[in-house]
Amino acid sequence: MRLSLVNRDLVMLPGFDGTGALLAPLVAELDGRFQTRVVRYPKNKPLIYPQLFPCIREVLPWGKPYSILADSFSGHLALLFAEDQPQYLESIILCSSFITDPSEPPKWWNKMVWKDPFKAPFPEETLKTYFLGENCSATLLSETRRALESIPPEILEFRWNMALRTNTWPQLARCKKPVLYLSGNQDKLCSPSTPAQILAQNRDVEVVTMNSPHCIFQTSPREAAAYIDAFVDQRLLSRAA
């Protein structure tokens, strides 16, 4: 018997761009299943992860249970926030998140095909190869460019470097909240060993590998929504038992 959808609040942390605009496909798929609350980061301020906590608190359903979802860049933020403010947080969904050992240099970085990676225009080849997949639509390609190009290059560079240099393995290992990790089998940014590394840190994490590139929420929103829905439902059933 399906539980009532009342109180299924979902706080959504955006990816690298921080605008929240690229979460629109997933928000549309989750409509009617969740009360979605999209977080947006300041466009012109180089803020470290703890300095982004107030952005999350602005949209929290205070005094009510909720789940938190983090796309890519924001995985670190979700784990740090969950440890800092665990009250009412019921579960965590991470997607293509950088939770790798910061001592491992990203081997793919030198293969990037543009010289100034944070300056517009963003080459189609690079966006398809590393983010969206070769079969992405022209509309998604345009929307991704628009979101990235709305952010100053120096802010994008700051966020990128911060994500690569932050280590949240300890937070993941200590995390007592249910965690779902969505991984793409065509992801060329996160290491293929990331799911196994996550399970080595916390064997209670539920890992799902999807047939998708790095940007799962943008390229496979319906399938991702189904996994999120089932995962959060299971947490509600466990709480009610």
C-alpha atoms as a PDB file:
ATOM      1  CA  MET A   1       0.000   0.000   0.000  1.00  0.00           C
ATOM      2  CA  ARG A   2       1.476   3.317  -1.100  1.00  0.00           C
ATOM      3  CA  LEU A   3       1.894   5.929   1.609  1.00  0.00           C
ATOM      4  CA  SER A   4       0.496   9.426   1.284  1.00  0.00           C
ATOM      5  CA  LEU A   5       2.759  11.812  -0.599  1.00  0.00           C
ATOM      6  CA  VAL A   6       2.235  14.483   2.056  1.00  0.00           C
ATOM      7  CA  ASN A   7       5.527  15.813   3.466  1.00  0.00           C
ATOM      8  CA  ARG A   8       7.649  14.361   0.676  1.00  0.00           C
ATOM      9  CA  ASP A   9       9.754  17.477   0.476  1.00  0.00           C
ATOM     10  CA  LEU A  10      12.851  17.329  -1.716  1.00  0.00           C
ATOM     11  CA  VAL A  11      15.572  19.975  -1.421  1.00  0.00           C
ATOM     12  CA  MET A  12      17.530  20.022  -4.687  1.00  0.00           C
ATOM     13  CA  LEU A  13      21.123  21.245  -4.932  1.00  0.00           C
ATOM     14  CA  PRO A  14      22.246  22.225  -8.440  1.00  0.00           C
ATOM     15  CA  GLY A  15      25.369  21.211 -10.277  1.00  0.00           C
ATOM     16  CA  PHE A  16      28.412  23.188 -11.307  1.00  0.00           C
ATOM     17  CA  ASP A  17      26.442  26.125 -12.739  1.00  0.00           C
ATOM     18  CA  GLY A  18      24.564  26.722  -9.483  1.00  0.00           C
ATOM     19  CA  THR A  19      21.562  28.275 -11.238  1.00  0.00           C
ATOM     20  CA  GLY A  20      19.134  25.405 -10.716  1.00  0.00           C
ATOM     21  CA  ALA A  21      17.948  25.824 -14.300  1.00  0.00           C
ATOM     22  CA  LEU A  22      19.424  22.512 -15.416  1.00  0.00           C
ATOM     23  CA  LEU A  23      17.351  20.648 -12.828  1.00  0.00           C
ATOM     24  CA  ALA A  24      14.180  21.583 -14.729  1.00  0.00           C
ATOM     25  CA  PRO A  25      13.830  18.215 -16.559  1.00  0.00           C
ATOM     26  CA  LEU A  26      13.991  16.314 -13.269  1.00  0.00           C
ATOM     27  CA  VAL A  27      11.663  18.762 -11.506  1.00  0.00           C
ATOM     28  CA  ALA A  28       9.113  18.187 -14.278  1.00  0.00           C
ATOM     29  CA  GLU A  29       9.326  14.406 -13.831  1.00  0.00           C
ATOM     30  CA  LEU A  30       8.968  14.703 -10.049  1.00  0.00           C
ATOM     31  CA  ASP A  31       5.932  16.983 -10.277  1.00  0.00           C
ATOM     32  CA  GLY A  32       3.067  15.507  -8.284  1.00  0.00           C
ATOM     33  CA  ARG A  33       5.372  13.140  -6.414  1.00  0.00           C
ATOM     34  CA  PHE A  34       7.386  15.666  -4.380  1.00  0.00           C
ATOM     35  CA  GLN A  35       7.324  19.243  -3.199  1.00  0.00           C
ATOM     36  CA  THR A  36      10.561  20.260  -4.900  1.00  0.00           C
ATOM     37  CA  ARG A  37      12.645  23.095  -3.466  1.00  0.00           C
ATOM     38  CA  VAL A  38      15.483  24.155  -5.780  1.00  0.00           C
ATOM     39  CA  VAL A  39      18.508  25.841  -4.206  1.00  0.00           C
ATOM     40  CA  ARG A  40      20.374  28.519  -6.174  1.00  0.00           C
ATOM     41  CA  TYR A  41      23.884  29.793  -5.495  1.00  0.00           C
ATOM     42  CA  PRO A  42      25.023  33.418  -5.822  1.00  0.00           C
ATOM     43  CA  LYS A  43      26.435  33.972  -9.308  1.00  0.00           C
ATOM     44  CA  ASN A  44      29.144  36.481  -8.464  1.00  0.00           C
ATOM     45  CA  LYS A  45      30.592  35.295  -5.153  1.00  0.00           C
ATOM     46  CA  PRO A  46      33.350  32.657  -4.735  1.00  0.00           C
ATOM     47  CA  LEU A  47      31.831  30.835  -1.762  1.00  0.00           C
ATOM     48  CA  ILE A  48      33.280  27.696  -0.192  1.00  0.00           C
ATOM     49  CA  TYR A  49      30.922  24.857   0.659  1.00  0.00           C
ATOM     50  CA  PRO A  50      30.050  25.863   4.257  1.00  0.00           C
ATOM     51  CA  GLN A  51      29.319  29.392   3.020  1.00  0.00           C
ATOM     52  CA  LEU A  52      26.591  27.890   0.812  1.00  0.00           C
ATOM     53  CA  PHE A  53      24.695  26.482   3.809  1.00  0.00           C
ATOM     54  CA  PRO A  54      22.495  29.623   4.058  1.00  0.00           C
ATOM     55  CA  CYS A  55      21.335  29.024   0.465  1.00  0.00           C
ATOM     56  CA  ILE A  56      20.013  25.634   1.564  1.00  0.00           C
ATOM     57  CA  ARG A  57      18.427  27.005   4.720  1.00  0.00           C
ATOM     58  CA  GLU A  58      16.483  29.539   2.660  1.00  0.00           C
ATOM     59  CA  VAL A  59      14.394  26.757   1.105  1.00  0.00           C
ATOM     60  CA  LEU A  60      14.225  24.195   3.939  1.00  0.00           C
ATOM     61  CA  PRO A  61      10.751  23.054   5.030  1.00  0.00           C
ATOM     62  CA  TRP A  62      11.532  23.908   8.643  1.00  0.00           C
ATOM     63  CA  GLY A  63      10.085  21.495  11.157  1.00  0.00           C
ATOM     64  CA  LYS A  64       9.179  18.917   8.502  1.00  0.00           C
ATOM     65  CA  PRO A  65      11.000  15.804   7.259  1.00  0.00           C
ATOM     66  CA  TYR A  66      12.739  16.153   3.908  1.00  0.00           C
ATOM     67  CA  SER A  67      15.263  14.533   1.598  1.00  0.00           C
ATOM     68  CA  ILE A  68      18.191  16.311  -0.018  1.00  0.00           C
ATOM     69  CA  LEU A  69      19.341  15.716  -3.589  1.00  0.00           C
ATOM     70  CA  ALA A  70      22.712  16.836  -4.946  1.00  0.00           C
ATOM     71  CA  ASP A  71      23.837  17.000  -8.551  1.00  0.00           C
ATOM     72  CA  SER A  72      27.543  16.539  -9.341  1.00  0.00           C
ATOM     73  CA  PHE A  73      29.449  19.500  -7.791  1.00  0.00           C
ATOM     74  CA  SER A  74      27.011  19.652  -4.873  1.00  0.00           C
ATOM     75  CA  GLY A  75      27.630  16.153  -3.527  1.00  0.00           C
ATOM     76  CA  HIS A  76      30.256  17.464  -1.131  1.00  0.00           C
ATOM     77  CA  LEU A  77      27.837  20.170   0.013  1.00  0.00           C
ATOM     78  CA  ALA A  78      25.044  17.691   0.734  1.00  0.00           C
ATOM     79  CA  LEU A  79      27.279  15.514   2.905  1.00  0.00           C
ATOM     80  CA  LEU A  80      28.755  18.483   4.777  1.00  0.00           C
ATOM     81  CA  PHE A  81      25.319  19.981   5.393  1.00  0.00           C
ATOM     82  CA  ALA A  82      23.854  16.641   6.482  1.00  0.00           C
ATOM     83  CA  GLU A  83      26.520  16.327   9.148  1.00  0.00           C
ATOM     84  CA  ASP A  84      26.152  19.946  10.257  1.00  0.00           C
ATOM     85  CA  GLN A  85      22.348  19.971  10.397  1.00  0.00           C
ATOM     86  CA  PRO A  86      20.899  16.444  10.472  1.00  0.00           C
ATOM     87  CA  GLN A  87      17.576  17.392  12.071  1.00  0.00           C
ATOM     88  CA  TYR A  88      14.542  16.407   9.943  1.00  0.00           C
ATOM     89  CA  LEU A  89      16.783  15.124   7.134  1.00  0.00           C
ATOM     90  CA  GLU A  90      15.542  11.672   6.163  1.00  0.00           C
ATOM     91  CA  SER A  91      17.665  10.665   3.182  1.00  0.00           C
ATOM     92  CA  ILE A  92      20.315  11.839   0.727  1.00  0.00           C
ATOM     93  CA  ILE A  93      20.438  11.357  -3.039  1.00  0.00           C
ATOM     94  CA  LEU A  94      23.798  11.944  -4.735  1.00  0.00           C
ATOM     95  CA  CYS A  95      24.171  11.986  -8.511  1.00  0.00           C
ATOM     96  CA  SER A  96      27.494  11.814 -10.390  1.00  0.00           C
ATOM     97  CA  SER A  97      29.071  13.455  -7.373  1.00  0.00           C
ATOM     98  CA  PHE A  98      32.784  14.071  -6.943  1.00  0.00           C
ATOM     99  CA  ILE A  99      33.576  12.106  -3.812  1.00  0.00           C
ATOM    100  CA  THR A 100      36.949  10.822  -4.967  1.00  0.00           C
ATOM    101  CA  ASP A 101      40.236  10.950  -3.130  1.00  0.00           C
ATOM    102  CA  PRO A 102      41.590  14.498  -3.741  1.00  0.00           C
ATOM    103  CA  SER A 103      45.105  13.101  -3.867  1.00  0.00           C
ATOM    104  CA  GLU A 104      44.180  11.470  -7.194  1.00  0.00           C
ATOM    105  CA  PRO A 105      44.653  14.021 -10.011  1.00  0.00           C
ATOM    106  CA  PRO A 106      41.862  13.894 -12.590  1.00  0.00           C
ATOM    107  CA  LYS A 107      43.520  12.038 -15.459  1.00  0.00           C
ATOM    108  CA  TRP A 108      40.968  13.279 -17.954  1.00  0.00           C
ATOM    109  CA  TRP A 109      41.712  16.961 -17.344  1.00  0.00           C
ATOM    110  CA  ASN A 110      44.598  17.197 -19.798  1.00  0.00           C
ATOM    111  CA  LYS A 111      42.414  15.624 -22.465  1.00  0.00           C
ATOM    112  CA  MET A 112      39.920  18.462 -22.384  1.00  0.00           C
ATOM    113  CA  VAL A 113      39.650  19.892 -25.869  1.00  0.00           C
ATOM    114  CA  TRP A 114      39.527  23.598 -25.094  1.00  0.00           C
ATOM    115  CA  LYS A 115      42.313  25.769 -23.718  1.00  0.00           C
ATOM    116  CA  ASP A 116      40.317  28.136 -21.510  1.00  0.00           C
ATOM    117  CA  PRO A 117      37.725  25.733 -20.106  1.00  0.00           C
ATOM    118  CA  PHE A 118      35.738  28.283 -18.112  1.00  0.00           C
ATOM    119  CA  LYS A 119      35.371  30.944 -20.777  1.00  0.00           C
ATOM    120  CA  ALA A 120      32.493  31.094 -23.234  1.00  0.00           C
ATOM    121  CA  PRO A 121      31.687  29.762 -25.697  1.00  0.00           C
ATOM    122  CA  PHE A 122      31.735  26.179 -24.470  1.00  0.00           C
ATOM    123  CA  PRO A 123      32.580  23.873 -27.396  1.00  0.00           C
ATOM    124  CA  GLU A 124      29.877  21.438 -28.445  1.00  0.00           C
ATOM    125  CA  GLU A 125      32.377  18.571 -28.633  1.00  0.00           C
ATOM    126  CA  THR A 126      33.461  19.056 -25.035  1.00  0.00           C
ATOM    127  CA  LEU A 127      29.942  19.367 -23.645  1.00  0.00           C
ATOM    128  CA  LYS A 128      28.864  16.211 -25.453  1.00  0.00           C
ATOM    129  CA  THR A 129      31.978  14.189 -24.649  1.00  0.00           C
ATOM    130  CA  TYR A 130      32.247  14.985 -20.938  1.00  0.00           C
ATOM    131  CA  PHE A 131      28.798  16.063 -19.829  1.00  0.00           C
ATOM    132  CA  LEU A 132      25.782  15.344 -22.038  1.00  0.00           C
ATOM    133  CA  GLY A 133      26.639  12.410 -24.289  1.00  0.00           C
ATOM    134  CA  GLU A 134      26.864  12.284 -28.056  1.00  0.00           C
ATOM    135  CA  ASN A 135      23.109  11.851 -28.508  1.00  0.00           C
ATOM    136  CA  CYS A 136      21.949  14.851 -26.495  1.00  0.00           C
ATOM    137  CA  SER A 137      19.364  17.120 -28.061  1.00  0.00           C
ATOM    138  CA  ALA A 138      20.154  20.523 -29.508  1.00  0.00           C
ATOM    139  CA  THR A 139      17.794  22.030 -26.923  1.00  0.00           C
ATOM    140  CA  LEU A 140      19.643  20.486 -23.980  1.00  0.00           C
ATOM    141  CA  LEU A 141      22.970  21.543 -25.448  1.00  0.00           C
ATOM    142  CA  SER A 142      21.719  25.125 -25.780  1.00  0.00           C
ATOM    143  CA  GLU A 143      20.245  25.196 -22.260  1.00  0.00           C
ATOM    144  CA  THR A 144      23.465  23.855 -20.761  1.00  0.00           C
ATOM    145  CA  ARG A 145      25.531  26.480 -22.552  1.00  0.00           C
ATOM    146  CA  ARG A 146      23.148  29.213 -21.431  1.00  0.00           C
ATOM    147  CA  ALA A 147      23.366  28.156 -17.787  1.00  0.00           C
ATOM    148  CA  LEU A 148      27.164  27.883 -17.768  1.00  0.00           C
ATOM    149  CA  GLU A 149      27.693  31.108 -19.682  1.00  0.00           C
ATOM    150  CA  SER A 150      25.509  33.009 -17.202  1.00  0.00           C
ATOM    151  CA  ILE A 151      28.221  32.496 -14.550  1.00  0.00           C
ATOM    152  CA  PRO A 152      31.495  34.477 -14.555  1.00  0.00           C
ATOM    153  CA  PRO A 153      34.443  32.276 -15.647  1.00  0.00           C
ATOM    154  CA  GLU A 154      36.332  32.959 -12.433  1.00  0.00           C
ATOM    155  CA  ILE A 155      33.397  31.614 -10.374  1.00  0.00           C
ATOM    156  CA  LEU A 156      33.192  28.471 -12.477  1.00  0.00           C
ATOM    157  CA  GLU A 157      36.921  27.924 -12.066  1.00  0.00           C
ATOM    158  CA  PHE A 158      36.671  28.456  -8.308  1.00  0.00           C
ATOM    159  CA  ARG A 159      33.831  25.929  -7.982  1.00  0.00           C
ATOM    160  CA  TRP A 160      35.573  23.373 -10.177  1.00  0.00           C
ATOM    161  CA  ASN A 161      38.806  23.521  -8.195  1.00  0.00           C
ATOM    162  CA  MET A 162      36.924  23.433  -4.892  1.00  0.00           C
ATOM    163  CA  ALA A 163      35.027  20.287  -5.921  1.00  0.00           C
ATOM    164  CA  LEU A 164      38.229  18.519  -6.932  1.00  0.00           C
ATOM    165  CA  ARG A 165      40.102  19.489  -3.764  1.00  0.00           C
ATOM    166  CA  THR A 166      37.393  18.743  -1.220  1.00  0.00           C
ATOM    167  CA  ASN A 167      37.405  15.450   0.643  1.00  0.00           C
ATOM    168  CA  THR A 168      34.096  14.243   2.060  1.00  0.00           C
ATOM    169  CA  TRP A 169      35.032  10.586   2.466  1.00  0.00           C
ATOM    170  CA  PRO A 170      34.937  11.023   6.275  1.00  0.00           C
ATOM    171  CA  GLN A 171      31.429  12.506   6.155  1.00  0.00           C
ATOM    172  CA  LEU A 172      30.229   9.675   3.913  1.00  0.00           C
ATOM    173  CA  ALA A 173      31.762   7.047   6.171  1.00  0.00           C
ATOM    174  CA  ARG A 174      30.110   8.572   9.255  1.00  0.00           C
ATOM    175  CA  CYS A 175      26.760   9.231   7.599  1.00  0.00           C
ATOM    176  CA  LYS A 176      23.849   7.503   9.333  1.00  0.00           C
ATOM    177  CA  LYS A 177      21.226   8.721   6.882  1.00  0.00           C
ATOM    178  CA  PRO A 178      20.094   6.492   4.000  1.00  0.00           C
ATOM    179  CA  VAL A 179      22.064   7.416   0.874  1.00  0.00           C
ATOM    180  CA  LEU A 180      21.310   6.710  -2.790  1.00  0.00           C
ATOM    181  CA  TYR A 181      24.142   7.222  -5.287  1.00  0.00           C
ATOM    182  CA  LEU A 182      23.238   7.437  -8.993  1.00  0.00           C
ATOM    183  CA  SER A 183      26.124   6.752 -11.344  1.00  0.00           C
ATOM    184  CA  GLY A 184      26.334   6.889 -15.143  1.00  0.00           C
ATOM    185  CA  ASN A 185      28.148   4.109 -16.971  1.00  0.00           C
ATOM    186  CA  GLN A 186      29.157   6.628 -19.660  1.00  0.00           C
ATOM    187  CA  ASP A 187      30.449   9.206 -17.171  1.00  0.00           C
ATOM    188  CA  LYS A 188      33.849  10.518 -18.269  1.00  0.00           C
ATOM    189  CA  LEU A 189      34.321  12.896 -15.344  1.00  0.00           C
ATOM    190  CA  CYS A 190      33.804  10.707 -12.286  1.00  0.00           C
ATOM    191  CA  SER A 191      36.134   7.737 -12.023  1.00  0.00           C
ATOM    192  CA  PRO A 192      34.627   4.352 -13.009  1.00  0.00           C
ATOM    193  CA  SER A 193      35.781   3.134  -9.593  1.00  0.00           C
ATOM    194  CA  THR A 194      33.690   5.737  -7.733  1.00  0.00           C
ATOM    195  CA  PRO A 195      30.741   3.392  -6.924  1.00  0.00           C
ATOM    196  CA  ALA A 196      33.082   0.752  -5.521  1.00  0.00           C
ATOM    197  CA  GLN A 197      34.994   3.362  -3.536  1.00  0.00           C
ATOM    198  CA  ILE A 198      31.737   4.680  -2.084  1.00  0.00           C
ATOM    199  CA  LEU A 199      30.682   1.215  -0.962  1.00  0.00           C
ATOM    200  CA  ALA A 200      34.106   0.686   0.574  1.00  0.00           C
ATOM    201  CA  GLN A 201      33.527   3.787   2.704  1.00  0.00           C
ATOM    202  CA  ASN A 202      29.898   3.066   3.572  1.00  0.00           C
ATOM    203  CA  ARG A 203      28.453  -0.296   2.611  1.00  0.00           C
ATOM    204  CA  ASP A 204      24.910   0.880   3.419  1.00  0.00           C
ATOM    205  CA  VAL A 205      24.853   3.255   0.440  1.00  0.00           C
ATOM    206  CA  GLU A 206      22.477   2.126  -2.312  1.00  0.00           C
ATOM    207  CA  VAL A 207      24.349   2.458  -5.617  1.00  0.00           C
ATOM    208  CA  VAL A 208      22.503   2.456  -8.939  1.00  0.00           C
ATOM    209  CA  THR A 209      24.353   2.511 -12.260  1.00  0.00           C
ATOM    210  CA  MET A 210      22.385   3.997 -15.131  1.00  0.00           C
ATOM    211  CA  ASN A 211      22.993   3.990 -18.869  1.00  0.00           C
ATOM    212  CA  SER A 212      23.864   7.667 -18.928  1.00  0.00           C
ATOM    213  CA  PRO A 213      26.669  10.234 -19.218  1.00  0.00           C
ATOM    214  CA  HIS A 214      27.689  12.525 -16.355  1.00  0.00           C
ATOM    215  CA  CYS A 215      24.561  14.698 -16.501  1.00  0.00           C
ATOM    216  CA  ILE A 216      22.017  12.061 -15.495  1.00  0.00           C
ATOM    217  CA  PHE A 217      19.273  14.439 -14.363  1.00  0.00           C
ATOM    218  CA  GLN A 218      19.409  16.245 -17.692  1.00  0.00           C
ATOM    219  CA  THR A 219      19.693  13.255 -20.046  1.00  0.00           C
ATOM    220  CA  SER A 220      17.701  10.573 -18.172  1.00  0.00           C
ATOM    221  CA  PRO A 221      15.311  12.508 -15.925  1.00  0.00           C
ATOM    222  CA  ARG A 222      12.415  10.023 -16.086  1.00  0.00           C
ATOM    223  CA  GLU A 223      14.521   7.026 -15.104  1.00  0.00           C
ATOM    224  CA  ALA A 224      16.285   9.025 -12.379  1.00  0.00           C
ATOM    225  CA  ALA A 225      12.936  10.204 -11.005  1.00  0.00           C
ATOM    226  CA  ALA A 226      11.728   6.606 -10.772  1.00  0.00           C
ATOM    227  CA  TYR A 227      14.775   5.578  -8.726  1.00  0.00           C
ATOM    228  CA  ILE A 228      14.437   8.627  -6.455  1.00  0.00           C
ATOM    229  CA  ASP A 229      10.717   8.004  -5.942  1.00  0.00           C
ATOM    230  CA  ALA A 230      11.242   4.342  -5.025  1.00  0.00           C
ATOM    231  CA  PHE A 231      14.181   5.129  -2.724  1.00  0.00           C
ATOM    232  CA  VAL A 232      12.343   7.807  -0.752  1.00  0.00           C
ATOM    233  CA  ASP A 233       9.201   5.643  -0.623  1.00  0.00           C
ATOM    234  CA  GLN A 234      11.226   2.863   0.956  1.00  0.00           C
ATOM    235  CA  ARG A 235      12.500   5.240   3.624  1.00  0.00           C
ATOM    236  CA  LEU A 236       8.909   6.249   4.418  1.00  0.00           C
ATOM    237  CA  LEU A 237       7.854   2.612   4.645  1.00  0.00           C
ATOM    238  CA  SER A 238      10.765   1.863   6.982  1.00  0.00           C
ATOM    239  CA  ARG A 239       9.828   4.798   9.201  1.00  0.00           C
ATOM    240  CA  ALA A 240       6.179   3.740   9.327  1.00  0.00           C
ATOM    241  CA  ALA A 241       6.967   0.108  10.117  1.00  0.00           C
END
